[in-house]
C-alpha atoms as a PDB file:
ATOM      1  CA  MET A   1      43.224 -70.538 -64.639  1.00  0.00           C
ATOM      2  CA  ASN A   2      42.104 -73.773 -66.289  1.00  0.00           C
ATOM      3  CA  ASN A   3      38.323 -74.211 -66.349  1.00  0.00           C
ATOM      4  CA  ALA A   4      38.377 -77.623 -68.064  1.00  0.00           C
ATOM      5  CA  PRO A   5      36.316 -80.355 -66.401  1.00  0.00           C
ATOM      6  CA  GLY A   6      38.404 -82.227 -63.864  1.00  0.00           C
ATOM      7  CA  SER A   7      40.981 -79.456 -63.506  1.00  0.00           C
ATOM      8  CA  PRO A   8      42.027 -78.734 -59.919  1.00  0.00           C
ATOM      9  CA  ARG A   9      40.371 -75.822 -58.159  1.00  0.00           C
ATOM     10  CA  PRO A  10      42.539 -73.179 -56.551  1.00  0.00           C
ATOM     11  CA  GLY A  11      42.719 -73.388 -52.768  1.00  0.00           C
ATOM     12  CA  PRO A  12      41.339 -70.702 -50.467  1.00  0.00           C
ATOM     13  CA  ALA A  13      43.272 -67.482 -50.120  1.00  0.00           C
ATOM     14  CA  PRO A  14      45.453 -67.257 -47.029  1.00  0.00           C
ATOM     15  CA  ALA A  15      43.927 -65.445 -44.072  1.00  0.00           C
ATOM     16  CA  PRO A  16      45.138 -61.874 -43.547  1.00  0.00           C
ATOM     17  CA  ALA A  17      47.894 -61.433 -40.977  1.00  0.00           C
ATOM     18  CA  GLN A  18      45.677 -59.098 -38.963  1.00  0.00           C
ATOM     19  CA  PRO A  19      42.005 -58.058 -39.072  1.00  0.00           C
ATOM     20  CA  PRO A  20      41.110 -55.318 -41.560  1.00  0.00           C
ATOM     21  CA  ASP A  21      41.138 -51.766 -40.237  1.00  0.00           C
ATOM     22  CA  PRO A  22      37.546 -50.413 -40.275  1.00  0.00           C
ATOM     23  CA  ASP A  23      38.884 -46.911 -40.954  1.00  0.00           C
ATOM     24  CA  THR A  24      40.483 -48.035 -44.244  1.00  0.00           C
ATOM     25  CA  THR A  25      38.202 -50.930 -45.282  1.00  0.00           C
ATOM     26  CA  ALA A  26      34.852 -50.471 -47.046  1.00  0.00           C
ATOM     27  CA  VAL A  27      33.951 -54.169 -47.488  1.00  0.00           C
ATOM     28  CA  HIS A  28      35.548 -57.297 -46.045  1.00  0.00           C
ATOM     29  CA  ALA A  29      34.419 -60.918 -46.323  1.00  0.00           C
ATOM     30  CA  GLU A  30      36.051 -64.165 -45.225  1.00  0.00           C
ATOM     31  CA  HIS A  31      35.036 -67.789 -45.775  1.00  0.00           C
ATOM     32  CA  LEU A  32      31.915 -66.824 -47.742  1.00  0.00           C
ATOM     33  CA  THR A  33      30.010 -69.854 -49.070  1.00  0.00           C
ATOM     34  CA  VAL A  34      26.713 -69.760 -50.987  1.00  0.00           C
ATOM     35  CA  THR A  35      24.521 -72.800 -51.600  1.00  0.00           C
ATOM     36  CA  ARG A  36      21.429 -73.206 -53.769  1.00  0.00           C
ATOM     37  CA  GLY A  37      19.645 -76.311 -52.549  1.00  0.00           C
ATOM     38  CA  PRO A  38      22.149 -79.168 -52.456  1.00  0.00           C
ATOM     39  CA  ARG A  39      24.594 -77.348 -54.763  1.00  0.00           C
ATOM     40  CA  THR A  40      27.459 -75.170 -53.488  1.00  0.00           C
ATOM     41  CA  VAL A  41      27.829 -72.340 -56.014  1.00  0.00           C
ATOM     42  CA  LEU A  42      30.498 -70.264 -54.229  1.00  0.00           C
ATOM     43  CA  ARG A  43      32.915 -71.806 -51.770  1.00  0.00           C
ATOM     44  CA  ASP A  44      35.196 -70.206 -49.159  1.00  0.00           C
ATOM     45  CA  LEU A  45      35.623 -66.821 -50.853  1.00  0.00           C
ATOM     46  CA  GLY A  46      37.345 -63.915 -49.212  1.00  0.00           C
ATOM     47  CA  PHE A  47      38.099 -60.381 -50.305  1.00  0.00           C
ATOM     48  CA  THR A  48      38.708 -56.870 -49.026  1.00  0.00           C
ATOM     49  CA  VAL A  49      37.771 -53.614 -50.754  1.00  0.00           C
ATOM     50  CA  PRO A  50      39.734 -50.633 -49.422  1.00  0.00           C
ATOM     51  CA  ARG A  51      37.743 -47.497 -48.593  1.00  0.00           C
ATOM     52  CA  GLY A  52      37.873 -44.894 -51.370  1.00  0.00           C
ATOM     53  CA  GLN A  53      39.121 -47.314 -54.045  1.00  0.00           C
ATOM     54  CA  ILE A  54      37.169 -48.086 -57.210  1.00  0.00           C
ATOM     55  CA  THR A  55      36.896 -51.853 -57.524  1.00  0.00           C
ATOM     56  CA  GLY A  56      35.501 -53.992 -60.341  1.00  0.00           C
ATOM     57  CA  LEU A  57      34.419 -57.611 -60.490  1.00  0.00           C
ATOM     58  CA  LEU A  58      35.130 -59.262 -63.843  1.00  0.00           C
ATOM     59  CA  GLY A  59      34.529 -62.777 -65.089  1.00  0.00           C
ATOM     60  CA  PRO A  60      32.811 -64.868 -67.724  1.00  0.00           C
ATOM     61  CA  SER A  61      29.069 -65.405 -67.850  1.00  0.00           C
ATOM     62  CA  GLY A  62      27.857 -67.803 -65.183  1.00  0.00           C
ATOM     63  CA  CYS A  63      30.932 -67.636 -62.940  1.00  0.00           C
ATOM     64  CA  GLY A  64      29.115 -66.219 -59.878  1.00  0.00           C
ATOM     65  CA  LYS A  65      29.578 -62.434 -60.031  1.00  0.00           C
ATOM     66  CA  SER A  66      25.909 -61.620 -59.365  1.00  0.00           C
ATOM     67  CA  THR A  67      25.630 -64.391 -56.788  1.00  0.00           C
ATOM     68  CA  LEU A  68      28.589 -62.915 -54.914  1.00  0.00           C
ATOM     69  CA  MET A  69      27.092 -59.413 -54.958  1.00  0.00           C
ATOM     70  CA  ARG A  70      23.731 -60.719 -53.692  1.00  0.00           C
ATOM     71  CA  ALA A  71      25.434 -62.579 -50.847  1.00  0.00           C
END
């Protein structure tokens, strides 16, 4: 991924073919957007964490990891 100013942002992930199964899904989010005042800090995020799976969230400082977890 290119983080240089002016580089294109990746588009949103495609929607799942079917809704997540609550028996196998621990956490599911779609179209999550977080704003701080007039600034959008996270835009149209989506993810699924399967039940029973250890999952990590990695990224550079200031990329929105804590903001995502607080949302």
